[in-house]
Amino acid sequence: MRGRTILFPKDMAEKLTTMTFGGDVAWGIAHLIGNPRALGEAVHITGPKSVKWGEVLEIYQNTLEKMLGIRPEVQLTDSSEWIQDIKKDYDAVRYDRLYNRKFENTKFHALCGPYEFVLPEIGLSRCLEQFLKEGRPFQKLHWKYEAYVDRLTGEETPLDEIPTLEGQRRYLENRW
């Protein structure tokens, strides 16, 4: 959002994931509730198309460029291991993003009938565009992480972008 480089691990970029547009999930839930054949069943409400995390990154880049006129640069790292040194939730990366996740939706169609899911690239772009248009707030930034990324990319976050003294301290401590 500020024109700085995104660090992205190569080992994650090539992994498949399955994403489903929220409206499609809502439709699926509405059609499973009260369906006696669905009782006690585990059902994947998801479209047939999986995407690589690198494609997700590109969708975000394209949408940000379209909406803000800024295309974020990306610096690929060989591995995602660096994340464990700075993020407490590294397990979310390791166990969620470093495995190919492709889900089967045959049972969903058998229970609910045919349904045309929104393609991931359309759904992701639509959600990000809406988020940006509405001016919604982002989660609080993790300044240790931002400092680490800046150190690897050679960039620097201006201190006036960091709203608290504690955040500034954490950034400076980890940047230099």
N, C-alpha and C. Protein backbone atom coordinates (compact mmCIF):
# COMPACT_ATOMS: atom_id res chain seq x y z
N MET A 1 0.82 -1.19 0.00
CA MET A 1 0.00 0.00 0.00
C MET A 1 0.87 1.26 0.00
N ARG A 2 2.07 1.15 0.53
CA ARG A 2 2.98 2.30 0.61
C ARG A 2 4.08 2.23 -0.44
N GLY A 3 3.97 1.29 -1.37
CA GLY A 3 4.94 1.21 -2.45
C GLY A 3 6.21 0.47 -2.09
N ARG A 4 6.25 -0.20 -0.95
CA ARG A 4 7.44 -0.95 -0.58
C ARG A 4 7.34 -2.39 -1.09
N THR A 5 8.48 -3.05 -1.13
CA THR A 5 8.60 -4.39 -1.67
C THR A 5 7.97 -5.43 -0.73
N ILE A 6 7.37 -6.44 -1.34
CA ILE A 6 6.80 -7.57 -0.61
C ILE A 6 7.82 -8.71 -0.67
N LEU A 7 8.13 -9.29 0.48
CA LEU A 7 8.95 -10.50 0.52
C LEU A 7 8.02 -11.70 0.40
N PHE A 8 8.38 -12.63 -0.46
CA PHE A 8 7.50 -13.78 -0.66
C PHE A 8 8.35 -15.02 -0.88
N PRO A 9 8.11 -16.09 -0.12
CA PRO A 9 8.94 -17.30 -0.23
C PRO A 9 8.60 -18.15 -1.46
N LYS A 10 9.65 -18.57 -2.17
CA LYS A 10 9.47 -19.42 -3.35
C LYS A 10 8.80 -20.74 -2.99
N ASP A 11 9.17 -21.31 -1.82
CA ASP A 11 8.59 -22.61 -1.46
C ASP A 11 7.09 -22.52 -1.26
N MET A 12 6.58 -21.36 -0.92
CA MET A 12 5.14 -21.17 -0.77
C MET A 12 4.49 -20.84 -2.11
N ALA A 13 5.18 -20.10 -2.95
CA ALA A 13 4.61 -19.62 -4.21
C ALA A 13 4.14 -20.75 -5.11
N GLU A 14 4.77 -21.90 -5.03
CA GLU A 14 4.44 -23.02 -5.92
C GLU A 14 3.39 -23.97 -5.35
N LYS A 15 2.96 -23.75 -4.11
CA LYS A 15 1.98 -24.65 -3.49
C LYS A 15 0.57 -24.27 -3.89
N LEU A 16 -0.27 -25.29 -4.05
CA LEU A 16 -1.67 -25.08 -4.42
C LEU A 16 -2.54 -24.86 -3.19
N THR A 17 -3.54 -24.02 -3.36
CA THR A 17 -4.55 -23.85 -2.33
C THR A 17 -5.91 -23.76 -3.01
N THR A 18 -6.93 -23.96 -2.23
CA THR A 18 -8.29 -23.84 -2.74
C THR A 18 -8.97 -22.71 -1.99
N MET A 19 -9.45 -21.73 -2.70
CA MET A 19 -10.14 -20.59 -2.09
C MET A 19 -11.55 -20.52 -2.64
N THR A 20 -12.46 -20.13 -1.76
CA THR A 20 -13.85 -20.07 -2.17
C THR A 20 -14.44 -18.71 -1.80
N PHE A 21 -15.10 -18.08 -2.73
CA PHE A 21 -15.74 -16.79 -2.53
C PHE A 21 -16.80 -16.91 -1.43
N GLY A 22 -16.84 -15.95 -0.52
CA GLY A 22 -17.77 -15.99 0.62
C GLY A 22 -19.22 -16.15 0.24
N GLY A 23 -19.64 -15.52 -0.85
CA GLY A 23 -21.02 -15.66 -1.30
C GLY A 23 -21.35 -17.09 -1.72
N ASP A 24 -20.35 -17.77 -2.29
CA ASP A 24 -20.54 -19.17 -2.67
C ASP A 24 -20.66 -20.05 -1.42
N VAL A 25 -19.85 -19.77 -0.42
CA VAL A 25 -19.92 -20.54 0.82
C VAL A 25 -21.28 -20.33 1.48
N ALA A 26 -21.75 -19.09 1.51
CA ALA A 26 -23.07 -18.80 2.10
C ALA A 26 -24.17 -19.56 1.36
N TRP A 27 -24.11 -19.57 0.03
CA TRP A 27 -25.10 -20.30 -0.76
C TRP A 27 -25.07 -21.78 -0.40
N GLY A 28 -23.85 -22.33 -0.30
CA GLY A 28 -23.71 -23.74 0.02
C GLY A 28 -24.24 -24.08 1.40
N ILE A 29 -23.93 -23.26 2.39
CA ILE A 29 -24.42 -23.50 3.74
C ILE A 29 -25.95 -23.46 3.76
N ALA A 30 -26.51 -22.45 3.09
CA ALA A 30 -27.97 -22.31 3.05
C ALA A 30 -28.63 -23.54 2.43
N HIS A 31 -27.95 -24.17 1.48
CA HIS A 31 -28.53 -25.34 0.83
C HIS A 31 -28.22 -26.65 1.54
N LEU A 32 -27.30 -26.63 2.47
CA LEU A 32 -27.02 -27.82 3.27
C LEU A 32 -27.88 -27.87 4.54
N ILE A 33 -28.19 -26.67 5.09
CA ILE A 33 -29.00 -26.61 6.30
C ILE A 33 -30.39 -27.20 6.00
N GLY A 34 -30.78 -28.11 6.84
CA GLY A 34 -32.09 -28.73 6.67
C GLY A 34 -32.13 -29.85 5.64
N ASN A 35 -31.03 -30.09 4.97
CA ASN A 35 -30.98 -31.18 3.99
C ASN A 35 -30.71 -32.47 4.76
N PRO A 36 -31.67 -33.36 4.86
CA PRO A 36 -31.50 -34.57 5.67
C PRO A 36 -30.35 -35.46 5.19
N ARG A 37 -30.02 -35.40 3.90
CA ARG A 37 -28.91 -36.21 3.38
C ARG A 37 -27.55 -35.66 3.82
N ALA A 38 -27.52 -34.39 4.27
CA ALA A 38 -26.27 -33.76 4.68
C ALA A 38 -25.96 -33.98 6.16
N LEU A 39 -26.93 -34.47 6.93
CA LEU A 39 -26.71 -34.68 8.37
C LEU A 39 -25.54 -35.63 8.61
N GLY A 40 -24.63 -35.20 9.45
CA GLY A 40 -23.48 -36.02 9.81
C GLY A 40 -22.40 -36.11 8.75
N GLU A 41 -22.53 -35.37 7.68
CA GLU A 41 -21.56 -35.42 6.58
C GLU A 41 -20.58 -34.25 6.66
N ALA A 42 -19.35 -34.52 6.33
CA ALA A 42 -18.34 -33.47 6.16
C ALA A 42 -18.36 -33.10 4.67
N VAL A 43 -18.58 -31.83 4.38
CA VAL A 43 -18.76 -31.41 2.99
C VAL A 43 -17.82 -30.24 2.71
N HIS A 44 -17.06 -30.33 1.63
CA HIS A 44 -16.23 -29.22 1.20
C HIS A 44 -17.05 -28.32 0.28
N ILE A 45 -17.30 -27.12 0.73
CA ILE A 45 -18.01 -26.15 -0.11
C ILE A 45 -16.93 -25.35 -0.83
N THR A 46 -16.57 -25.82 -1.98
CA THR A 46 -15.48 -25.17 -2.71
C THR A 46 -15.60 -25.45 -4.19
N GLY A 47 -15.05 -24.54 -4.95
CA GLY A 47 -15.05 -24.71 -6.40
C GLY A 47 -14.02 -25.72 -6.84
N PRO A 48 -14.02 -26.03 -8.11
CA PRO A 48 -13.12 -27.07 -8.62
C PRO A 48 -11.70 -26.58 -8.89
N LYS A 49 -11.48 -25.26 -8.89
CA LYS A 49 -10.18 -24.74 -9.31
C LYS A 49 -9.29 -24.40 -8.11
N SER A 50 -8.10 -24.95 -8.12
CA SER A 50 -7.08 -24.58 -7.13
C SER A 50 -6.14 -23.58 -7.78
N VAL A 51 -5.49 -22.77 -6.96
CA VAL A 51 -4.52 -21.79 -7.46
C VAL A 51 -3.24 -21.91 -6.64
N LYS A 52 -2.15 -21.48 -7.22
CA LYS A 52 -0.88 -21.44 -6.49
C LYS A 52 -0.83 -20.13 -5.70
N TRP A 53 -0.14 -20.16 -4.57
CA TRP A 53 -0.02 -18.95 -3.76
C TRP A 53 0.66 -17.83 -4.55
N GLY A 54 1.54 -18.18 -5.46
CA GLY A 54 2.17 -17.16 -6.32
C GLY A 54 1.13 -16.48 -7.21
N GLU A 55 0.11 -17.23 -7.63
CA GLU A 55 -0.98 -16.64 -8.42
C GLU A 55 -1.83 -15.72 -7.55
N VAL A 56 -2.03 -16.11 -6.29
CA VAL A 56 -2.77 -15.25 -5.35
C VAL A 56 -2.02 -13.92 -5.21
N LEU A 57 -0.72 -13.99 -5.04
CA LEU A 57 0.10 -12.78 -4.95
C LEU A 57 -0.08 -11.91 -6.19
N GLU A 58 -0.07 -12.52 -7.36
CA GLU A 58 -0.23 -11.76 -8.60
C GLU A 58 -1.61 -11.11 -8.71
N ILE A 59 -2.64 -11.82 -8.24
CA ILE A 59 -3.99 -11.24 -8.23
C ILE A 59 -4.01 -9.99 -7.36
N TYR A 60 -3.38 -10.08 -6.20
CA TYR A 60 -3.29 -8.91 -5.31
C TYR A 60 -2.52 -7.78 -5.98
N GLN A 61 -1.38 -8.10 -6.60
CA GLN A 61 -0.60 -7.07 -7.28
C GLN A 61 -1.44 -6.39 -8.36
N ASN A 62 -2.11 -7.18 -9.19
CA ASN A 62 -2.92 -6.63 -10.28
C ASN A 62 -4.05 -5.74 -9.74
N THR A 63 -4.70 -6.19 -8.68
CA THR A 63 -5.82 -5.43 -8.12
C THR A 63 -5.33 -4.14 -7.49
N LEU A 64 -4.21 -4.19 -6.75
CA LEU A 64 -3.66 -2.97 -6.16
C LEU A 64 -3.24 -1.98 -7.24
N GLU A 65 -2.66 -2.49 -8.31
CA GLU A 65 -2.27 -1.61 -9.42
C GLU A 65 -3.50 -0.96 -10.04
N LYS A 66 -4.54 -1.74 -10.24
CA LYS A 66 -5.78 -1.22 -10.83
C LYS A 66 -6.43 -0.16 -9.93
N MET A 67 -6.47 -0.44 -8.63
CA MET A 67 -7.18 0.44 -7.69
C MET A 67 -6.35 1.64 -7.24
N LEU A 68 -5.04 1.46 -7.07
CA LEU A 68 -4.21 2.51 -6.47
C LEU A 68 -3.16 3.08 -7.43
N GLY A 69 -3.00 2.42 -8.57
CA GLY A 69 -1.98 2.88 -9.50
C GLY A 69 -0.57 2.50 -9.06
N ILE A 70 -0.47 1.60 -8.10
CA ILE A 70 0.83 1.15 -7.58
C ILE A 70 0.89 -0.36 -7.72
N ARG A 71 1.92 -0.85 -8.38
CA ARG A 71 2.13 -2.31 -8.45
C ARG A 71 3.28 -2.65 -7.52
N PRO A 72 2.98 -3.32 -6.42
CA PRO A 72 4.05 -3.65 -5.47
C PRO A 72 5.10 -4.56 -6.10
N GLU A 73 6.35 -4.24 -5.82
CA GLU A 73 7.45 -5.11 -6.23
C GLU A 73 7.47 -6.32 -5.31
N VAL A 74 7.97 -7.42 -5.82
CA VAL A 74 8.08 -8.64 -5.02
C VAL A 74 9.53 -9.11 -5.07
N GLN A 75 10.04 -9.46 -3.90
CA GLN A 75 11.36 -10.08 -3.81
C GLN A 75 11.13 -11.50 -3.30
N LEU A 76 11.50 -12.48 -4.12
CA LEU A 76 11.32 -13.87 -3.72
C LEU A 76 12.49 -14.33 -2.86
N THR A 77 12.17 -15.05 -1.80
CA THR A 77 13.20 -15.66 -0.97
C THR A 77 13.20 -17.15 -1.28
N ASP A 78 14.33 -17.80 -1.10
CA ASP A 78 14.43 -19.23 -1.43
C ASP A 78 13.52 -20.09 -0.58
N SER A 79 13.31 -19.68 0.67
CA SER A 79 12.57 -20.50 1.62
C SER A 79 11.72 -19.61 2.52
N SER A 80 10.75 -20.23 3.17
CA SER A 80 9.92 -19.50 4.14
C SER A 80 10.47 -19.59 5.55
N GLU A 81 11.60 -20.25 5.72
CA GLU A 81 12.16 -20.46 7.06
C GLU A 81 12.40 -19.15 7.81
N TRP A 82 12.73 -18.07 7.11
CA TRP A 82 13.01 -16.79 7.77
C TRP A 82 11.82 -16.29 8.57
N ILE A 83 10.62 -16.70 8.20
CA ILE A 83 9.42 -16.22 8.88
C ILE A 83 9.37 -16.69 10.33
N GLN A 84 9.89 -17.89 10.60
CA GLN A 84 9.82 -18.42 11.96
C GLN A 84 10.63 -17.60 12.96
N ASP A 85 11.61 -16.85 12.49
CA ASP A 85 12.40 -16.03 13.40
C ASP A 85 11.68 -14.77 13.84
N ILE A 86 10.65 -14.37 13.11
CA ILE A 86 10.02 -13.09 13.42
C ILE A 86 8.52 -13.14 13.64
N LYS A 87 7.88 -14.23 13.28
CA LYS A 87 6.43 -14.30 13.43
C LYS A 87 6.07 -15.46 14.37
N LYS A 88 5.23 -15.16 15.34
CA LYS A 88 4.79 -16.20 16.27
C LYS A 88 3.91 -17.23 15.58
N ASP A 89 3.25 -16.83 14.51
CA ASP A 89 2.32 -17.74 13.83
C ASP A 89 2.96 -18.46 12.64
N TYR A 90 4.24 -18.75 12.74
CA TYR A 90 4.91 -19.46 11.64
C TYR A 90 4.25 -20.80 11.34
N ASP A 91 3.71 -21.46 12.36
CA ASP A 91 3.06 -22.75 12.12
C ASP A 91 1.90 -22.61 11.14
N ALA A 92 1.24 -21.45 11.14
CA ALA A 92 0.16 -21.21 10.17
C ALA A 92 0.73 -21.24 8.74
N VAL A 93 1.92 -20.74 8.57
CA VAL A 93 2.57 -20.79 7.25
C VAL A 93 2.99 -22.22 6.95
N ARG A 94 3.70 -22.81 7.89
CA ARG A 94 4.25 -24.15 7.65
C ARG A 94 3.15 -25.18 7.38
N TYR A 95 2.08 -25.17 8.16
CA TYR A 95 1.07 -26.22 8.02
C TYR A 95 -0.12 -25.85 7.15
N ASP A 96 -0.21 -24.59 6.76
CA ASP A 96 -1.34 -24.18 5.94
C ASP A 96 -0.91 -23.80 4.53
N ARG A 97 0.28 -23.21 4.39
CA ARG A 97 0.67 -22.68 3.11
C ARG A 97 1.76 -23.48 2.39
N LEU A 98 2.39 -24.42 3.10
CA LEU A 98 3.49 -25.17 2.49
C LEU A 98 3.10 -26.59 2.06
N TYR A 99 1.81 -26.86 2.09
CA TYR A 99 1.29 -28.12 1.57
C TYR A 99 0.30 -27.81 0.47
N ASN A 100 0.28 -28.65 -0.54
CA ASN A 100 -0.74 -28.49 -1.57
C ASN A 100 -2.09 -28.85 -0.96
N ARG A 101 -3.05 -27.94 -1.08
CA ARG A 101 -4.38 -28.16 -0.52
C ARG A 101 -5.40 -28.07 -1.65
N LYS A 102 -5.87 -29.21 -2.04
CA LYS A 102 -6.85 -29.29 -3.11
C LYS A 102 -8.02 -30.09 -2.56
N PHE A 103 -9.20 -29.51 -2.57
CA PHE A 103 -10.35 -30.15 -1.96
C PHE A 103 -11.29 -30.73 -3.01
N GLU A 104 -11.99 -31.73 -2.61
CA GLU A 104 -12.92 -32.46 -3.46
C GLU A 104 -14.34 -31.96 -3.19
N ASN A 105 -15.09 -31.61 -4.23
CA ASN A 105 -16.44 -31.07 -4.01
C ASN A 105 -17.55 -31.96 -4.57
N THR A 106 -17.24 -33.20 -4.88
CA THR A 106 -18.24 -34.11 -5.44
C THR A 106 -19.43 -34.29 -4.50
N LYS A 107 -19.15 -34.44 -3.20
CA LYS A 107 -20.23 -34.64 -2.23
C LYS A 107 -21.13 -33.40 -2.17
N PHE A 108 -20.52 -32.22 -2.24
CA PHE A 108 -21.30 -30.98 -2.23
C PHE A 108 -22.29 -30.97 -3.39
N HIS A 109 -21.82 -31.27 -4.59
CA HIS A 109 -22.70 -31.28 -5.78
C HIS A 109 -23.77 -32.37 -5.68
N ALA A 110 -23.41 -33.51 -5.09
CA ALA A 110 -24.40 -34.58 -4.92
C ALA A 110 -25.52 -34.16 -3.97
N LEU A 111 -25.17 -33.36 -2.97
CA LEU A 111 -26.16 -32.92 -1.98
C LEU A 111 -26.94 -31.68 -2.41
N CYS A 112 -26.28 -30.78 -3.14
CA CYS A 112 -26.89 -29.49 -3.45
C CYS A 112 -27.21 -29.28 -4.92
N GLY A 113 -26.76 -30.16 -5.76
CA GLY A 113 -26.99 -29.99 -7.19
C GLY A 113 -25.89 -29.17 -7.82
N PRO A 114 -25.99 -28.94 -9.11
CA PRO A 114 -24.93 -28.18 -9.80
C PRO A 114 -24.89 -26.74 -9.31
N TYR A 115 -23.70 -26.21 -9.23
CA TYR A 115 -23.51 -24.82 -8.81
C TYR A 115 -22.25 -24.30 -9.47
N GLU A 116 -22.32 -23.10 -9.99
CA GLU A 116 -21.17 -22.47 -10.66
C GLU A 116 -20.46 -21.54 -9.67
N PHE A 117 -19.30 -21.95 -9.20
CA PHE A 117 -18.53 -21.16 -8.24
C PHE A 117 -17.82 -20.00 -8.92
N VAL A 118 -17.66 -18.90 -8.19
CA VAL A 118 -16.88 -17.76 -8.66
C VAL A 118 -15.42 -18.21 -8.71
N LEU A 119 -14.73 -17.91 -9.79
CA LEU A 119 -13.32 -18.27 -9.91
C LEU A 119 -12.50 -17.53 -8.86
N PRO A 120 -11.47 -18.15 -8.32
CA PRO A 120 -10.67 -17.50 -7.28
C PRO A 120 -10.14 -16.12 -7.68
N GLU A 121 -9.68 -16.00 -8.93
CA GLU A 121 -9.12 -14.71 -9.34
C GLU A 121 -10.17 -13.60 -9.37
N ILE A 122 -11.40 -13.95 -9.67
CA ILE A 122 -12.48 -12.96 -9.68
C ILE A 122 -12.93 -12.64 -8.26
N GLY A 123 -13.12 -13.67 -7.45
CA GLY A 123 -13.55 -13.47 -6.06
C GLY A 123 -12.53 -12.70 -5.24
N LEU A 124 -11.25 -13.06 -5.36
CA LEU A 124 -10.21 -12.35 -4.60
C LEU A 124 -10.13 -10.88 -5.01
N SER A 125 -10.13 -10.66 -6.30
CA SER A 125 -10.05 -9.29 -6.80
C SER A 125 -11.27 -8.48 -6.34
N ARG A 126 -12.44 -9.05 -6.44
CA ARG A 126 -13.67 -8.37 -6.03
C ARG A 126 -13.63 -8.01 -4.54
N CYS A 127 -13.18 -8.94 -3.71
CA CYS A 127 -13.12 -8.68 -2.26
C CYS A 127 -12.10 -7.60 -1.93
N LEU A 128 -10.93 -7.64 -2.56
CA LEU A 128 -9.92 -6.63 -2.29
C LEU A 128 -10.38 -5.25 -2.78
N GLU A 129 -11.01 -5.21 -3.95
CA GLU A 129 -11.53 -3.94 -4.45
C GLU A 129 -12.55 -3.35 -3.48
N GLN A 130 -13.47 -4.17 -2.99
CA GLN A 130 -14.48 -3.69 -2.05
C GLN A 130 -13.84 -3.21 -0.75
N PHE A 131 -12.87 -3.96 -0.26
CA PHE A 131 -12.15 -3.59 0.96
C PHE A 131 -11.51 -2.21 0.80
N LEU A 132 -10.85 -2.00 -0.33
CA LEU A 132 -10.18 -0.72 -0.57
C LEU A 132 -11.17 0.42 -0.77
N LYS A 133 -12.26 0.18 -1.50
CA LYS A 133 -13.27 1.22 -1.73
C LYS A 133 -13.93 1.67 -0.43
N GLU A 134 -14.15 0.72 0.47
CA GLU A 134 -14.82 1.05 1.73
C GLU A 134 -13.87 1.67 2.75
N GLY A 135 -12.58 1.69 2.46
CA GLY A 135 -11.61 2.29 3.37
C GLY A 135 -11.52 1.57 4.71
N ARG A 136 -11.70 0.28 4.69
CA ARG A 136 -11.66 -0.48 5.94
C ARG A 136 -10.25 -0.47 6.54
N PRO A 137 -10.18 -0.57 7.85
CA PRO A 137 -8.85 -0.56 8.48
C PRO A 137 -8.15 -1.90 8.34
N PHE A 138 -6.85 -1.84 8.21
CA PHE A 138 -6.04 -3.04 8.19
C PHE A 138 -5.74 -3.46 9.62
N GLN A 139 -5.33 -4.70 9.79
CA GLN A 139 -4.88 -5.13 11.10
C GLN A 139 -3.64 -4.33 11.46
N LYS A 140 -3.36 -4.27 12.75
CA LYS A 140 -2.17 -3.57 13.23
C LYS A 140 -0.93 -4.24 12.63
N LEU A 141 0.01 -3.43 12.16
CA LEU A 141 1.22 -3.98 11.56
C LEU A 141 2.13 -4.54 12.65
N HIS A 142 2.87 -5.55 12.28
CA HIS A 142 3.84 -6.21 13.14
C HIS A 142 5.19 -5.56 12.81
N TRP A 143 5.65 -4.64 13.64
CA TRP A 143 6.80 -3.81 13.29
C TRP A 143 8.11 -4.56 13.26
N LYS A 144 8.23 -5.64 14.02
CA LYS A 144 9.44 -6.47 13.93
C LYS A 144 9.51 -7.09 12.54
N TYR A 145 8.38 -7.56 12.04
CA TYR A 145 8.31 -8.15 10.70
C TYR A 145 8.63 -7.09 9.64
N GLU A 146 8.02 -5.92 9.76
CA GLU A 146 8.25 -4.86 8.77
C GLU A 146 9.73 -4.46 8.75
N ALA A 147 10.36 -4.41 9.92
CA ALA A 147 11.78 -4.06 10.00
C ALA A 147 12.63 -5.12 9.31
N TYR A 148 12.28 -6.36 9.53
CA TYR A 148 13.03 -7.46 8.92
C TYR A 148 12.91 -7.40 7.39
N VAL A 149 11.71 -7.20 6.89
CA VAL A 149 11.50 -7.10 5.44
C VAL A 149 12.29 -5.91 4.89
N ASP A 150 12.23 -4.78 5.57
CA ASP A 150 12.99 -3.61 5.12
C ASP A 150 14.49 -3.89 5.10
N ARG A 151 14.98 -4.62 6.10
CA ARG A 151 16.40 -4.95 6.15
C ARG A 151 16.79 -5.79 4.92
N LEU A 152 15.96 -6.77 4.56
CA LEU A 152 16.28 -7.64 3.42
C LEU A 152 16.13 -6.93 2.08
N THR A 153 15.18 -6.01 1.99
CA THR A 153 14.95 -5.32 0.71
C THR A 153 15.77 -4.04 0.58
N GLY A 154 16.38 -3.58 1.69
CA GLY A 154 17.14 -2.34 1.66
C GLY A 154 16.26 -1.10 1.73
N GLU A 155 14.98 -1.29 2.05
CA GLU A 155 14.06 -0.16 2.15
C GLU A 155 13.94 0.29 3.61
N GLU A 156 13.23 1.38 3.82
CA GLU A 156 13.07 1.89 5.18
C GLU A 156 11.69 2.50 5.33
N THR A 157 11.02 2.13 6.39
CA THR A 157 9.71 2.70 6.69
C THR A 157 9.93 4.02 7.42
N PRO A 158 9.36 5.13 6.93
CA PRO A 158 9.48 6.40 7.66
C PRO A 158 8.82 6.28 9.03
N LEU A 159 9.48 6.81 10.04
CA LEU A 159 8.96 6.70 11.41
C LEU A 159 7.60 7.34 11.57
N ASP A 160 7.27 8.36 10.76
CA ASP A 160 5.95 9.00 10.90
C ASP A 160 4.82 8.09 10.43
N GLU A 161 5.14 6.95 9.79
CA GLU A 161 4.11 5.97 9.43
C GLU A 161 3.83 5.00 10.58
N ILE A 162 4.66 5.03 11.59
CA ILE A 162 4.51 4.12 12.73
C ILE A 162 3.83 4.91 13.85
N PRO A 163 2.59 4.57 14.18
CA PRO A 163 1.77 5.43 15.04
C PRO A 163 2.15 5.51 16.52
N THR A 164 2.90 4.54 17.03
CA THR A 164 3.21 4.58 18.47
C THR A 164 4.71 4.58 18.70
N LEU A 165 5.11 5.09 19.85
CA LEU A 165 6.53 5.06 20.21
C LEU A 165 7.02 3.63 20.38
N GLU A 166 6.17 2.78 20.93
CA GLU A 166 6.54 1.37 21.09
C GLU A 166 6.77 0.72 19.73
N GLY A 167 5.92 1.01 18.77
CA GLY A 167 6.10 0.49 17.42
C GLY A 167 7.38 1.01 16.78
N GLN A 168 7.66 2.28 16.98
CA GLN A 168 8.89 2.86 16.46
C GLN A 168 10.12 2.20 17.08
N ARG A 169 10.05 1.97 18.39
CA ARG A 169 11.16 1.32 19.09
C ARG A 169 11.39 -0.08 18.53
N ARG A 170 10.31 -0.84 18.38
CA ARG A 170 10.43 -2.22 17.86
C ARG A 170 11.00 -2.22 16.44
N TYR A 171 10.52 -1.28 15.65
CA TYR A 171 11.00 -1.20 14.26
C TYR A 171 12.50 -0.90 14.24
N LEU A 172 12.91 0.17 14.94
CA LEU A 172 14.32 0.57 14.93
C LEU A 172 15.22 -0.52 15.51
N GLU A 173 14.77 -1.13 16.57
CA GLU A 173 15.54 -2.20 17.22
C GLU A 173 15.78 -3.36 16.27
N ASN A 174 14.82 -3.68 15.45
CA ASN A 174 14.94 -4.83 14.56
C ASN A 174 15.43 -4.47 13.16
N ARG A 175 15.30 -3.23 12.78
CA ARG A 175 15.76 -2.81 11.45
C ARG A 175 17.28 -2.73 11.40
N TRP A 176 17.88 -2.20 12.45
CA TRP A 176 19.31 -1.95 12.44
C TRP A 176 20.06 -2.95 13.28
